[in-house]
N, C-alpha and C. Protein backbone atom coordinates (compact mmCIF):
# COMPACT_ATOMS: atom_id res chain seq x y z
N UNK A 1 8.45 -6.49 11.51
CA UNK A 1 7.60 -6.13 10.38
C UNK A 1 8.49 -5.60 9.26
N UNK A 2 8.21 -6.04 8.07
CA UNK A 2 8.94 -5.54 6.91
C UNK A 2 8.16 -4.39 6.29
N UNK A 3 8.81 -3.65 5.43
CA UNK A 3 8.11 -2.58 4.72
C UNK A 3 6.92 -3.14 3.93
N UNK A 4 7.07 -4.35 3.41
CA UNK A 4 6.00 -4.97 2.63
C UNK A 4 4.78 -5.28 3.49
N UNK A 5 4.98 -5.48 4.80
CA UNK A 5 3.87 -5.78 5.71
C UNK A 5 2.98 -4.56 5.96
N UNK A 6 3.47 -3.38 5.68
CA UNK A 6 2.70 -2.16 5.92
C UNK A 6 1.80 -1.93 4.71
N UNK A 7 0.59 -2.44 4.81
CA UNK A 7 -0.36 -2.39 3.71
C UNK A 7 -1.66 -1.74 4.17
N UNK A 8 -2.46 -1.30 3.22
CA UNK A 8 -3.77 -0.73 3.53
C UNK A 8 -4.54 -1.67 4.45
N UNK A 9 -5.10 -1.11 5.52
CA UNK A 9 -5.91 -1.80 6.53
C UNK A 9 -5.10 -2.53 7.59
N UNK A 10 -3.76 -2.52 7.50
CA UNK A 10 -3.00 -3.16 8.56
C UNK A 10 -2.89 -2.22 9.76
N UNK A 11 -2.67 -2.80 10.93
CA UNK A 11 -2.52 -2.05 12.17
C UNK A 11 -1.06 -2.14 12.59
N UNK A 12 -0.44 -0.98 12.82
CA UNK A 12 0.95 -0.94 13.28
C UNK A 12 1.04 0.07 14.42
N UNK A 13 2.20 0.15 15.05
CA UNK A 13 2.45 1.17 16.07
C UNK A 13 3.23 2.30 15.40
N UNK A 14 2.87 3.54 15.76
CA UNK A 14 3.46 4.71 15.12
C UNK A 14 3.34 5.89 16.08
N UNK A 15 4.34 6.76 16.14
CA UNK A 15 4.26 7.94 17.03
C UNK A 15 3.34 9.01 16.44
N UNK A 16 2.06 8.79 16.55
CA UNK A 16 1.05 9.64 15.93
C UNK A 16 1.04 11.04 16.55
N UNK A 17 1.06 12.06 15.71
CA UNK A 17 0.99 13.46 16.15
C UNK A 17 -0.44 13.95 15.94
N UNK A 18 -1.15 14.17 17.06
CA UNK A 18 -2.53 14.67 16.98
C UNK A 18 -2.55 16.09 16.45
N UNK A 19 -3.60 16.46 15.75
CA UNK A 19 -3.74 17.80 15.18
C UNK A 19 -3.65 18.88 16.27
N UNK A 20 -4.24 18.62 17.44
CA UNK A 20 -4.20 19.61 18.52
C UNK A 20 -2.76 19.80 19.04
N UNK A 21 -1.96 18.74 19.02
CA UNK A 21 -0.56 18.84 19.44
C UNK A 21 0.24 19.62 18.39
N UNK A 22 -0.01 19.34 17.12
CA UNK A 22 0.67 20.07 16.04
C UNK A 22 0.32 21.55 16.08
N UNK A 23 -0.95 21.86 16.37
CA UNK A 23 -1.39 23.26 16.44
C UNK A 23 -0.71 24.01 17.58
N UNK A 24 -0.29 23.28 18.62
CA UNK A 24 0.39 23.94 19.74
C UNK A 24 1.90 23.96 19.56
N UNK A 25 2.39 23.55 18.38
CA UNK A 25 3.80 23.66 18.06
C UNK A 25 4.61 22.38 18.19
N UNK A 26 3.99 21.30 18.63
CA UNK A 26 4.72 20.04 18.73
C UNK A 26 4.98 19.49 17.32
N UNK A 27 6.10 18.78 17.17
CA UNK A 27 6.48 18.28 15.86
C UNK A 27 6.54 16.76 15.78
N UNK A 28 6.43 16.08 16.92
CA UNK A 28 6.48 14.62 16.95
C UNK A 28 5.42 14.09 17.89
N UNK A 29 4.94 12.89 17.60
CA UNK A 29 3.97 12.26 18.48
C UNK A 29 4.57 12.00 19.85
N UNK A 30 3.75 12.09 20.89
CA UNK A 30 4.21 11.90 22.26
C UNK A 30 4.51 10.45 22.59
N UNK A 31 3.78 9.54 21.95
CA UNK A 31 4.00 8.11 22.22
C UNK A 31 3.62 7.30 21.00
N UNK A 32 4.17 6.12 20.95
CA UNK A 32 3.82 5.19 19.90
C UNK A 32 2.46 4.59 20.24
N UNK A 33 1.55 4.61 19.27
CA UNK A 33 0.19 4.13 19.50
C UNK A 33 -0.23 3.30 18.30
N UNK A 34 -1.27 2.48 18.47
CA UNK A 34 -1.76 1.76 17.30
C UNK A 34 -2.42 2.73 16.31
N UNK A 35 -2.12 2.51 15.06
CA UNK A 35 -2.74 3.28 13.97
C UNK A 35 -3.14 2.28 12.89
N UNK A 36 -4.12 2.66 12.11
CA UNK A 36 -4.49 1.84 10.96
C UNK A 36 -3.96 2.51 9.71
N UNK A 37 -3.41 1.71 8.81
CA UNK A 37 -2.94 2.23 7.53
C UNK A 37 -4.17 2.44 6.67
N UNK A 38 -4.52 3.71 6.45
CA UNK A 38 -5.70 4.03 5.66
C UNK A 38 -5.50 3.73 4.20
N UNK A 39 -4.32 4.04 3.72
CA UNK A 39 -4.00 3.74 2.31
C UNK A 39 -2.48 3.82 2.15
N UNK A 40 -1.98 3.00 1.27
CA UNK A 40 -0.57 3.05 0.88
C UNK A 40 -0.54 3.30 -0.61
N UNK A 41 0.00 4.44 -0.98
CA UNK A 41 0.04 4.85 -2.39
C UNK A 41 1.44 4.61 -2.94
N UNK A 42 1.54 3.79 -3.95
CA UNK A 42 2.82 3.47 -4.57
C UNK A 42 3.30 4.68 -5.35
N UNK A 43 4.53 5.12 -5.03
CA UNK A 43 5.11 6.29 -5.70
C UNK A 43 6.60 6.05 -5.90
N UNK A 44 7.15 6.64 -6.94
CA UNK A 44 8.59 6.60 -7.13
C UNK A 44 9.23 7.37 -5.98
N UNK A 45 10.30 6.86 -5.43
CA UNK A 45 10.97 7.55 -4.34
C UNK A 45 10.44 7.17 -2.96
N UNK A 46 9.45 6.31 -2.91
CA UNK A 46 8.91 5.87 -1.62
C UNK A 46 7.41 5.97 -1.58
N UNK A 47 6.79 4.92 -1.10
CA UNK A 47 5.33 4.89 -1.02
C UNK A 47 4.83 5.83 0.08
N UNK A 48 3.74 6.53 -0.20
CA UNK A 48 3.11 7.43 0.77
C UNK A 48 2.07 6.64 1.55
N UNK A 49 2.11 6.79 2.88
CA UNK A 49 1.15 6.10 3.75
C UNK A 49 0.36 7.13 4.53
N UNK A 50 -0.95 6.92 4.61
CA UNK A 50 -1.83 7.73 5.47
C UNK A 50 -2.22 6.88 6.67
N UNK A 51 -1.96 7.40 7.88
CA UNK A 51 -2.27 6.70 9.12
C UNK A 51 -3.44 7.38 9.82
N UNK A 52 -4.37 6.56 10.32
CA UNK A 52 -5.47 7.06 11.13
C UNK A 52 -5.29 6.51 12.54
N UNK A 53 -5.41 7.37 13.56
CA UNK A 53 -5.15 6.92 14.93
C UNK A 53 -6.26 6.05 15.50
N UNK A 54 -5.84 5.14 16.38
CA UNK A 54 -6.77 4.32 17.15
C UNK A 54 -6.63 4.78 18.60
N UNK A 55 -7.74 5.03 19.26
CA UNK A 55 -7.71 5.58 20.61
C UNK A 55 -8.70 4.87 21.53
N UNK A 56 -8.40 4.91 22.82
CA UNK A 56 -9.32 4.39 23.84
C UNK A 56 -10.25 5.49 24.34
N UNK A 57 -9.95 6.73 24.00
CA UNK A 57 -10.77 7.85 24.46
C UNK A 57 -11.97 8.02 23.53
N UNK A 58 -13.16 8.01 24.12
CA UNK A 58 -14.37 8.17 23.30
C UNK A 58 -14.33 9.52 22.59
N UNK A 59 -14.56 9.52 21.28
CA UNK A 59 -14.49 10.78 20.52
C UNK A 59 -15.56 11.78 20.97
N UNK A 60 -15.21 13.04 20.86
CA UNK A 60 -16.16 14.11 21.17
C UNK A 60 -17.25 14.12 20.10
N UNK A 61 -18.44 14.60 20.45
CA UNK A 61 -19.51 14.71 19.44
C UNK A 61 -19.02 15.55 18.25
N UNK A 62 -19.39 15.12 17.08
CA UNK A 62 -18.99 15.84 15.88
C UNK A 62 -17.73 15.30 15.22
N UNK A 63 -16.97 14.47 15.94
CA UNK A 63 -15.78 13.87 15.33
C UNK A 63 -16.22 12.76 14.39
N UNK A 64 -15.48 12.56 13.32
CA UNK A 64 -15.75 11.49 12.38
C UNK A 64 -14.94 10.28 12.82
N UNK A 65 -15.60 9.34 13.51
CA UNK A 65 -14.92 8.19 14.09
C UNK A 65 -15.85 6.99 14.11
N UNK A 66 -15.25 5.80 14.18
CA UNK A 66 -16.04 4.58 14.32
C UNK A 66 -15.44 3.73 15.43
N UNK A 67 -16.33 3.06 16.17
CA UNK A 67 -15.85 2.13 17.19
C UNK A 67 -15.39 0.85 16.50
N UNK A 68 -14.30 0.29 16.98
CA UNK A 68 -13.73 -0.91 16.38
C UNK A 68 -14.48 -2.14 16.92
N UNK A 69 -15.07 -2.94 16.03
CA UNK A 69 -15.76 -4.16 16.47
C UNK A 69 -14.77 -5.17 17.07
N UNK A 70 -15.26 -6.02 17.96
CA UNK A 70 -14.39 -6.99 18.63
C UNK A 70 -13.62 -7.87 17.65
N UNK A 71 -14.27 -8.33 16.60
CA UNK A 71 -13.58 -9.20 15.65
C UNK A 71 -12.42 -8.48 14.97
N UNK A 72 -12.59 -7.18 14.69
CA UNK A 72 -11.51 -6.41 14.06
C UNK A 72 -10.39 -6.14 15.06
N UNK A 73 -10.72 -5.99 16.34
CA UNK A 73 -9.68 -5.85 17.36
C UNK A 73 -8.80 -7.09 17.37
N UNK A 74 -9.42 -8.26 17.33
CA UNK A 74 -8.65 -9.50 17.33
C UNK A 74 -7.81 -9.62 16.06
N UNK A 75 -8.39 -9.30 14.92
CA UNK A 75 -7.65 -9.38 13.65
C UNK A 75 -6.45 -8.44 13.64
N UNK A 76 -6.62 -7.28 14.27
CA UNK A 76 -5.55 -6.28 14.29
C UNK A 76 -4.57 -6.44 15.44
N UNK A 77 -4.77 -7.47 16.27
CA UNK A 77 -3.87 -7.68 17.40
C UNK A 77 -4.07 -6.68 18.52
N UNK A 78 -5.28 -6.11 18.60
CA UNK A 78 -5.59 -5.10 19.62
C UNK A 78 -6.27 -5.76 20.81
N UNK A 79 -6.30 -5.07 21.93
CA UNK A 79 -6.91 -5.58 23.16
C UNK A 79 -8.43 -5.59 23.01
N UNK A 80 -9.02 -6.78 22.93
CA UNK A 80 -10.47 -6.90 22.73
C UNK A 80 -11.25 -6.46 23.95
N UNK A 81 -10.60 -6.33 25.11
CA UNK A 81 -11.29 -5.91 26.33
C UNK A 81 -11.51 -4.40 26.39
N UNK A 82 -10.81 -3.66 25.54
CA UNK A 82 -10.91 -2.19 25.55
C UNK A 82 -11.89 -1.71 24.49
N UNK A 83 -12.58 -0.61 24.77
CA UNK A 83 -13.35 0.08 23.73
C UNK A 83 -12.35 0.92 22.94
N UNK A 84 -12.37 0.78 21.63
CA UNK A 84 -11.42 1.48 20.76
C UNK A 84 -12.17 2.15 19.62
N UNK A 85 -11.64 3.29 19.20
CA UNK A 85 -12.21 4.03 18.08
C UNK A 85 -11.10 4.36 17.09
N UNK A 86 -11.46 4.37 15.80
CA UNK A 86 -10.57 4.89 14.76
C UNK A 86 -11.09 6.28 14.43
N UNK A 87 -10.19 7.26 14.48
CA UNK A 87 -10.54 8.65 14.18
C UNK A 87 -10.21 8.89 12.70
N UNK A 88 -11.20 9.36 11.94
CA UNK A 88 -11.01 9.55 10.50
C UNK A 88 -10.96 11.02 10.07
N UNK A 89 -11.13 11.96 11.00
CA UNK A 89 -11.12 13.36 10.56
C UNK A 89 -9.75 14.02 10.75
N UNK A 90 -8.73 13.20 11.02
CA UNK A 90 -7.35 13.68 10.98
C UNK A 90 -6.46 12.48 10.67
N UNK A 91 -5.27 12.75 10.18
CA UNK A 91 -4.36 11.66 9.82
C UNK A 91 -2.93 12.19 9.78
N UNK A 92 -1.98 11.27 9.84
CA UNK A 92 -0.57 11.57 9.62
C UNK A 92 -0.16 10.90 8.32
N UNK A 93 0.90 11.41 7.71
CA UNK A 93 1.46 10.77 6.52
C UNK A 93 2.94 10.48 6.76
N UNK A 94 3.45 9.52 6.04
CA UNK A 94 4.87 9.21 6.10
C UNK A 94 5.25 8.53 4.79
N UNK A 95 6.55 8.44 4.54
CA UNK A 95 7.03 7.85 3.29
C UNK A 95 7.91 6.65 3.63
N UNK A 96 7.53 5.50 3.09
CA UNK A 96 8.29 4.28 3.32
C UNK A 96 9.69 4.45 2.74
N UNK A 97 10.67 4.07 3.52
CA UNK A 97 12.06 4.17 3.08
C UNK A 97 12.71 5.50 3.38
N UNK A 98 11.92 6.52 3.73
CA UNK A 98 12.47 7.83 4.08
C UNK A 98 12.09 8.25 5.49
N UNK A 99 11.33 7.43 6.17
CA UNK A 99 10.79 7.76 7.48
C UNK A 99 11.81 7.52 8.58
N UNK A 100 11.77 8.37 9.60
CA UNK A 100 12.56 8.15 10.80
C UNK A 100 11.86 7.15 11.72
N UNK A 101 10.58 6.87 11.47
CA UNK A 101 9.77 6.06 12.37
C UNK A 101 9.44 4.68 11.83
N UNK A 102 9.46 4.51 10.53
CA UNK A 102 9.15 3.21 9.93
C UNK A 102 10.46 2.51 9.61
N UNK A 103 10.72 1.43 10.32
CA UNK A 103 11.95 0.67 10.07
C UNK A 103 11.59 -0.80 9.96
N UNK A 104 12.18 -1.48 8.98
CA UNK A 104 11.92 -2.92 8.90
C UNK A 104 12.65 -3.64 10.02
N UNK A 105 12.11 -4.79 10.41
CA UNK A 105 12.80 -5.61 11.39
C UNK A 105 14.11 -6.10 10.79
N UNK A 106 15.12 -6.30 11.63
CA UNK A 106 16.37 -6.86 11.09
C UNK A 106 16.14 -8.29 10.59
N UNK A 107 16.93 -8.72 9.61
CA UNK A 107 16.75 -10.08 9.05
C UNK A 107 17.01 -11.16 10.08
């Protein structure tokens, strides 16, 4: 994947840090997981990206989340056999070109 491929609504893998993990002092995501690019904001010095996590765990009541429809799972390269949710009440940010986690594929 190139930096140009990381666009709003695309699905990529990213070491997402959950808010509960950050609150307990962790500084990095425990594993690489699928995330959806919520928005990519063009900025001088590197574009800012907001990532929303995709999870197989059914959200707790009160969470702002949506279940991913089967057609969107297929479009995003996700496992259509799994129930998946996008969580919208928390997010991670990163900067293209300055990230330790976002790297373009070699040519």
